[in-house]
Protein backbone atom coordinates (compact mmCIF):
# COMPACT_ATOMS: atom_id res chain seq x y z
CA MET A 1 124.63 102.27 99.59
CA THR A 2 123.82 98.79 98.54
CA ALA A 3 121.80 98.45 95.42
CA ASN A 4 118.77 96.62 96.80
CA SER A 5 118.36 98.12 100.34
CA ARG A 6 119.58 101.68 100.03
CA VAL A 7 121.72 101.02 103.22
CA PRO A 8 125.13 102.54 102.93
CA ALA A 9 127.76 100.09 101.64
CA GLY A 10 129.72 98.59 104.50
CA ALA A 11 127.03 99.07 107.08
CA ALA A 12 126.71 96.19 109.50
CA ILE A 13 123.06 95.07 109.44
CA ARG A 14 121.97 92.52 111.97
CA HIS A 15 118.20 92.06 112.17
CA PHE A 16 116.49 92.21 115.53
CA LYS A 17 114.03 89.52 116.04
CA GLY A 18 111.23 92.04 116.69
CA THR A 19 111.65 93.72 113.32
CA SER A 20 108.52 93.21 111.26
CA SER A 21 108.93 91.66 107.82
CA GLY A 22 107.34 94.72 106.16
CA ASP A 23 109.81 97.17 107.74
CA GLU A 24 112.29 98.70 105.21
CA ILE A 25 115.67 99.95 106.34
CA ILE A 26 116.30 103.19 104.47
CA ALA A 27 119.72 104.07 106.03
CA GLU A 28 122.06 103.40 108.86
CA ILE A 29 124.34 106.20 109.99
CA PRO A 30 127.05 105.38 112.47
CA LYS A 31 126.82 107.19 115.87
CA ASN A 32 129.80 105.54 117.49
CA SER A 33 131.59 102.16 117.66
CA ARG A 34 128.51 100.46 119.25
CA GLU A 35 125.53 102.38 117.92
CA VAL A 36 123.90 103.42 114.56
CA TYR A 37 121.10 105.82 113.70
CA ARG A 38 118.62 103.61 111.81
CA ILE A 39 115.94 105.23 109.59
CA MET A 40 113.18 102.84 108.65
CA ARG A 41 109.94 102.98 106.76
CA ARG A 42 107.18 100.87 108.48
CA THR A 43 103.45 100.51 108.92
CA PHE A 44 101.75 100.26 112.28
CA LYS A 45 98.09 99.74 112.73
CA GLY A 46 97.47 101.03 109.20
CA TYR A 47 99.64 104.15 109.57
CA LYS A 48 102.64 104.71 107.41
CA LEU A 49 105.51 105.77 109.52
CA VAL A 50 109.16 106.83 109.39
CA ASP A 51 111.12 105.53 112.35
CA VAL A 52 114.37 107.20 113.40
CA ARG A 53 115.94 105.35 116.22
CA VAL A 54 119.36 104.53 117.82
CA TRP A 55 120.24 100.90 117.62
CA PHE A 56 122.92 99.42 119.79
CA ASP A 57 125.12 96.26 119.95
CA ASP A 58 123.75 94.06 122.75
CA ALA A 59 127.02 92.68 124.43
CA ASP A 60 125.29 89.59 125.68
CA THR A 61 123.68 88.46 122.31
CA GLY A 62 125.64 90.27 119.73
CA GLU A 63 122.41 91.52 118.15
CA LEU A 64 121.66 94.95 117.13
CA ARG A 65 118.78 96.13 119.35
CA PRO A 66 116.46 99.16 119.28
CA GLY A 67 116.86 101.98 121.73
CA LYS A 68 115.48 105.50 121.98
CA GLY A 69 113.88 107.10 118.93
CA VAL A 70 110.81 108.54 117.31
CA SER A 71 108.11 107.37 114.91
CA LEU A 72 106.62 110.08 112.56
CA LYS A 73 103.65 109.83 110.31
CA LEU A 74 104.91 109.84 106.76
CA GLU A 75 102.66 112.71 105.88
CA ILE A 76 104.41 115.19 108.16
CA LEU A 77 107.90 114.16 106.79
CA PRO A 78 108.10 117.18 104.38
CA GLU A 79 107.60 119.59 107.32
CA ILE A 80 110.39 117.83 109.30
CA VAL A 81 112.73 117.91 106.30
CA ASP A 82 112.01 121.66 105.74
CA ALA A 83 112.78 122.37 109.38
CA LEU A 84 116.01 120.41 109.29
CA ALA A 85 116.96 122.05 105.99
CA GLY A 86 116.48 125.42 107.64
CA LEU A 87 118.97 124.43 110.43
CA ILE A 88 121.50 123.36 107.76
CA ALA A 89 121.05 126.53 105.72
CA GLY A 90 121.14 128.81 108.81
CA GLY A 91 124.10 127.16 110.32
CA ALA A 92 124.46 126.49 114.05
CA ARG A 93 123.52 129.25 116.41
CA ASP A 94 125.03 129.88 119.83
CA GLU A 95 122.58 130.35 122.55
């Protein structure tokens, strides 16, 4: 990760024009050659949020643009982390 932004070293970051100046990129995790999972801290209408979204390379403009994702209230993040940690601890189950 880089020292100032906590984004993994070597991550290609191109800012989308719609990104608010108060948004903070926490991490970018490669999904494939054209997409990354971007985790951001942001505020919207006074709510503190964590945004987890797929960003993709726009072939026409060369910009990284937002795609599907979810915004979660910061206060429920511990419950989300606990649930995900349970998945890791329990391993994958075949259904």
